[in-house]
């Protein structure tokens, strides 16, 4: 039977206007100003959501988290040379109960499971319809998770079949993938080591493992493939 909601009174029983619903506060982390502002406007248009702070870097995100105490952090995976996955882990180290949703152009078939392992509660592509993005935000705020039907199917298929990832890049560990992406940005071994707080020898070991897994014969081939990979992630293609 269809029900009809009762009319909402403009005043409470005390004669005062009813209190406004408390909006859920969101920290939005994305290093692209136009993209970040666009998503902030979409979120702020919702009656129950509000972007309380925006950040372009991990340091700014951590500072905003301390000052604003958001109910949810929405984080991009690519933050300049910094890793969104590393930021997720640090946010949760400082505030273990903070719900985090990844919003990214990166290939969900490669990154969604990694995001969950890092502690995020959901992954949604920037190319997704606005309704899906808002549904993902509300699902995570409500204590649930969000993954696209495509990713759920891939994860279930992998668990049932026990098959290894088909794409070579999917065999990389989280740290190896991070190094691979930085190679694609033209960073030297020393720059990668300094940026990640690792020794040069450790980064060289990662490079060697990446070359083996991707069957890259030379450093130049590895650099070319890393650059191509980054380009596909920026364009939103897998």
Protein backbone atom coordinates (compact mmCIF):
# COMPACT_ATOMS: atom_id res chain seq x y z
CA UNK A 1 0.00 0.00 0.00
CA UNK A 2 1.35 3.40 -0.92
CA UNK A 3 1.78 5.73 2.03
CA UNK A 4 1.79 9.49 2.10
CA UNK A 5 4.27 11.34 4.26
CA UNK A 6 2.66 13.81 6.66
CA UNK A 7 3.06 17.47 5.90
CA UNK A 8 6.08 19.01 7.61
CA UNK A 9 5.24 21.88 9.91
CA UNK A 10 7.28 25.03 9.64
CA UNK A 11 7.36 25.40 13.41
CA UNK A 12 7.98 22.98 16.25
CA UNK A 13 5.61 22.30 19.13
CA UNK A 14 7.36 25.10 21.03
CA UNK A 15 6.63 27.59 18.29
CA UNK A 16 10.25 27.73 17.12
CA UNK A 17 11.44 26.77 13.64
CA UNK A 18 12.55 23.11 13.50
CA UNK A 19 16.28 22.50 13.71
CA UNK A 20 18.02 21.94 10.41
CA UNK A 21 19.31 18.45 9.71
CA UNK A 22 23.00 18.14 10.55
CA UNK A 23 25.04 17.82 7.39
CA UNK A 24 27.73 15.16 7.22
CA UNK A 25 31.13 16.81 6.88
CA UNK A 26 33.53 15.62 4.19
CA UNK A 27 37.26 16.14 3.63
CA UNK A 28 37.99 16.15 -0.12
CA UNK A 29 41.57 15.34 -1.17
CA UNK A 30 42.53 15.83 -4.83
CA UNK A 31 45.55 17.56 -6.36
CA UNK A 32 43.62 18.94 -9.37
CA UNK A 33 41.99 22.25 -8.31
CA UNK A 34 39.32 22.31 -11.01
CA UNK A 35 38.36 18.68 -10.45
CA UNK A 36 38.37 19.13 -6.68
CA UNK A 37 36.21 22.26 -6.78
CA UNK A 38 33.81 20.61 -9.20
CA UNK A 39 33.25 17.64 -6.91
CA UNK A 40 32.95 19.97 -3.92
CA UNK A 41 30.12 21.84 -5.64
CA UNK A 42 28.33 18.60 -6.49
CA UNK A 43 28.61 17.36 -2.91
CA UNK A 44 27.57 20.69 -1.40
CA UNK A 45 24.47 20.66 -3.58
CA UNK A 46 23.23 17.65 -1.60
CA UNK A 47 20.96 18.51 1.36
CA UNK A 48 22.75 16.19 3.81
CA UNK A 49 26.39 16.60 2.75
CA UNK A 50 28.98 19.36 3.03
CA UNK A 51 32.65 19.63 2.11
CA UNK A 52 34.22 21.09 5.23
CA UNK A 53 37.77 21.13 3.87
CA UNK A 54 39.72 20.58 0.67
CA UNK A 55 43.35 19.48 0.35
CA UNK A 56 45.76 18.97 -2.52
CA UNK A 57 48.58 17.19 -0.66
CA UNK A 58 48.89 14.55 2.06
CA UNK A 59 50.30 17.10 4.53
CA UNK A 60 47.37 19.45 3.91
CA UNK A 61 44.94 16.56 4.28
CA UNK A 62 46.40 15.54 7.63
CA UNK A 63 46.28 19.13 8.86
CA UNK A 64 42.67 19.51 7.71
CA UNK A 65 41.73 16.25 9.40
CA UNK A 66 43.04 17.54 12.73
CA UNK A 67 41.24 20.89 12.43
CA UNK A 68 37.88 19.90 10.94
CA UNK A 69 37.15 16.38 12.26
CA UNK A 70 35.22 15.25 9.13
CA UNK A 71 32.80 12.33 9.09
CA UNK A 72 34.35 11.03 5.86
CA UNK A 73 37.47 11.52 3.74
CA UNK A 74 37.19 11.25 -0.05
CA UNK A 75 40.68 10.68 -1.45
CA UNK A 76 42.16 10.55 -4.94
CA UNK A 77 44.86 7.96 -5.60
CA UNK A 78 47.26 10.28 -7.40
CA UNK A 79 48.46 13.27 -5.39
CA UNK A 80 51.41 14.57 -7.36
CA UNK A 81 54.31 12.30 -6.47
CA UNK A 82 52.51 11.10 -3.36
CA UNK A 83 50.40 7.97 -3.12
CA UNK A 84 46.76 8.14 -2.12
CA UNK A 85 47.04 4.62 -0.70
CA UNK A 86 49.86 5.73 1.59
CA UNK A 87 47.71 8.66 2.70
CA UNK A 88 44.81 6.31 3.46
CA UNK A 89 47.05 4.26 5.73
CA UNK A 90 48.33 7.37 7.52
CA UNK A 91 44.85 8.84 7.96
CA UNK A 92 43.72 5.59 9.55
CA UNK A 93 46.81 5.37 11.72
CA UNK A 94 45.88 8.72 13.23
CA UNK A 95 42.09 8.22 13.16
CA UNK A 96 41.27 4.49 12.90
CA UNK A 97 37.50 5.03 12.80
CA UNK A 98 37.55 7.48 9.87
CA UNK A 99 35.59 6.16 6.86
CA UNK A 100 37.50 6.69 3.61
CA UNK A 101 36.24 6.51 0.03
CA UNK A 102 38.60 6.46 -2.94
CA UNK A 103 37.44 8.62 -5.87
CA UNK A 104 39.81 8.22 -8.79
CA UNK A 105 40.32 7.91 -12.53
CA UNK A 106 42.66 4.95 -11.97
CA UNK A 107 41.63 1.54 -13.27
CA UNK A 108 39.35 0.05 -10.64
CA UNK A 109 40.24 -3.51 -11.66
CA UNK A 110 43.82 -2.84 -10.52
CA UNK A 111 43.35 -0.39 -7.66
CA UNK A 112 40.02 -1.13 -5.95
CA UNK A 113 41.19 -4.21 -4.05
CA UNK A 114 44.42 -2.43 -3.12
CA UNK A 115 42.37 0.44 -1.73
CA UNK A 116 40.35 -1.94 0.45
CA UNK A 117 43.53 -3.61 1.70
CA UNK A 118 44.85 -0.19 2.66
CA UNK A 119 41.75 0.43 4.76
CA UNK A 120 39.42 2.37 2.45
CA UNK A 121 35.79 1.31 2.57
CA UNK A 122 34.96 1.96 -1.04
CA UNK A 123 36.18 2.82 -4.51
CA UNK A 124 34.33 4.79 -7.16
CA UNK A 125 35.52 6.01 -10.52
CA UNK A 126 35.44 9.73 -11.32
CA UNK A 127 33.76 8.80 -14.58
CA UNK A 128 30.79 7.31 -12.69
CA UNK A 129 27.43 9.12 -12.78
CA UNK A 130 26.87 11.68 -10.03
CA UNK A 131 24.12 9.55 -8.48
CA UNK A 132 26.54 6.64 -8.09
CA UNK A 133 29.20 8.86 -6.50
CA UNK A 134 26.68 10.21 -3.97
CA UNK A 135 25.38 6.71 -3.29
CA UNK A 136 28.95 5.58 -2.61
CA UNK A 137 29.50 8.48 -0.21
CA UNK A 138 26.31 7.73 1.70
CA UNK A 139 27.00 3.99 1.79
CA UNK A 140 30.42 4.50 3.36
CA UNK A 141 29.08 7.15 5.75
CA UNK A 142 26.44 4.64 6.87
CA UNK A 143 29.14 2.12 7.76
CA UNK A 144 28.95 0.09 4.58
CA UNK A 145 31.22 -0.36 1.59
CA UNK A 146 30.98 0.49 -2.08
CA UNK A 147 32.41 -1.22 -5.15
CA UNK A 148 31.08 -1.26 -8.68
CA UNK A 149 29.34 -4.37 -9.93
CA UNK A 150 32.27 -4.91 -12.29
CA UNK A 151 34.80 -5.03 -9.46
CA UNK A 152 32.60 -7.27 -7.32
CA UNK A 153 32.32 -9.70 -10.21
CA UNK A 154 36.09 -9.65 -10.80
CA UNK A 155 36.85 -10.26 -7.13
CA UNK A 156 34.35 -13.11 -6.84
CA UNK A 157 35.59 -14.70 -10.07
CA UNK A 158 39.17 -14.54 -8.84
CA UNK A 159 38.28 -16.10 -5.49
CA UNK A 160 36.24 -18.88 -7.07
CA UNK A 161 38.63 -19.73 -9.91
CA UNK A 162 41.86 -19.07 -8.06
CA UNK A 163 43.33 -17.66 -11.27
CA UNK A 164 46.20 -15.21 -11.10
CA UNK A 165 45.73 -11.66 -12.47
CA UNK A 166 45.81 -11.58 -16.26
CA UNK A 167 47.55 -8.21 -16.62
CA UNK A 168 51.26 -8.14 -15.62
CA UNK A 169 50.83 -4.81 -13.77
CA UNK A 170 48.30 -6.48 -11.46
CA UNK A 171 51.07 -8.77 -10.17
CA UNK A 172 53.00 -5.82 -8.73
CA UNK A 173 52.88 -5.22 -4.99
CA UNK A 174 51.48 -1.91 -3.75
CA UNK A 175 54.99 -0.51 -3.25
CA UNK A 176 56.20 -1.81 -6.61
CA UNK A 177 53.23 -0.18 -8.31
CA UNK A 178 54.00 3.08 -6.52
CA UNK A 179 57.61 2.97 -7.74
CA UNK A 180 56.42 2.04 -11.24
CA UNK A 181 54.16 5.10 -11.35
CA UNK A 182 57.00 7.37 -10.22
CA UNK A 183 59.27 5.92 -12.91
CA UNK A 184 56.55 6.86 -15.38
CA UNK A 185 56.68 10.43 -14.08
CA UNK A 186 60.37 10.60 -14.95
CA UNK A 187 61.69 10.40 -11.41
CA UNK A 188 65.22 9.11 -10.88
CA UNK A 189 66.07 6.33 -8.46
CA UNK A 190 67.45 8.88 -6.00
CA UNK A 191 64.34 11.06 -6.26
CA UNK A 192 62.08 8.06 -5.72
CA UNK A 193 64.13 6.97 -2.70
CA UNK A 194 63.98 10.44 -1.15
CA UNK A 195 60.28 10.84 -1.84
CA UNK A 196 59.34 7.46 -0.35
CA UNK A 197 61.84 7.55 2.50
CA UNK A 198 63.68 4.49 1.18
CA UNK A 199 67.31 3.71 0.48
CA UNK A 200 68.57 3.84 -3.10
CA UNK A 201 69.43 0.15 -2.87
CA UNK A 202 65.85 -0.68 -1.88
CA UNK A 203 64.44 1.26 -4.83
CA UNK A 204 66.89 -0.46 -7.17
CA UNK A 205 65.62 -3.81 -5.85
CA UNK A 206 62.05 -2.73 -6.54
CA UNK A 207 63.02 -1.70 -10.07
CA UNK A 208 64.60 -5.11 -10.65
CA UNK A 209 61.47 -6.92 -9.42
CA UNK A 210 59.23 -4.73 -11.57
CA UNK A 211 61.34 -5.43 -14.68
CA UNK A 212 61.13 -9.15 -14.00
CA UNK A 213 57.36 -9.16 -13.48
CA UNK A 214 56.69 -7.01 -16.54
CA UNK A 215 59.35 -8.76 -18.62
CA UNK A 216 60.95 -5.41 -19.44
CA UNK A 217 64.36 -6.06 -20.96
CA UNK A 218 65.88 -2.63 -20.35
CA UNK A 219 65.48 0.39 -18.12
CA UNK A 220 64.36 2.38 -21.14
CA UNK A 221 61.60 -0.13 -21.91
CA UNK A 222 60.50 -0.02 -18.27
CA UNK A 223 60.36 3.78 -18.39
CA UNK A 224 58.33 3.74 -21.60
CA UNK A 225 55.82 1.25 -20.24
CA UNK A 226 55.51 3.16 -16.98
CA UNK A 227 54.85 6.39 -18.88
CA UNK A 228 52.22 4.68 -21.02
CA UNK A 229 50.58 3.22 -17.92
CA UNK A 230 50.34 6.63 -16.25
CA UNK A 231 48.89 8.09 -19.42
CA UNK A 232 46.14 5.45 -19.51
CA UNK A 233 45.26 6.13 -15.88
CA UNK A 234 44.97 9.87 -16.54
CA UNK A 235 42.68 9.25 -19.48
CA UNK A 236 40.57 6.82 -17.47
CA UNK A 237 41.22 3.87 -19.80
CA UNK A 238 42.44 0.49 -18.57
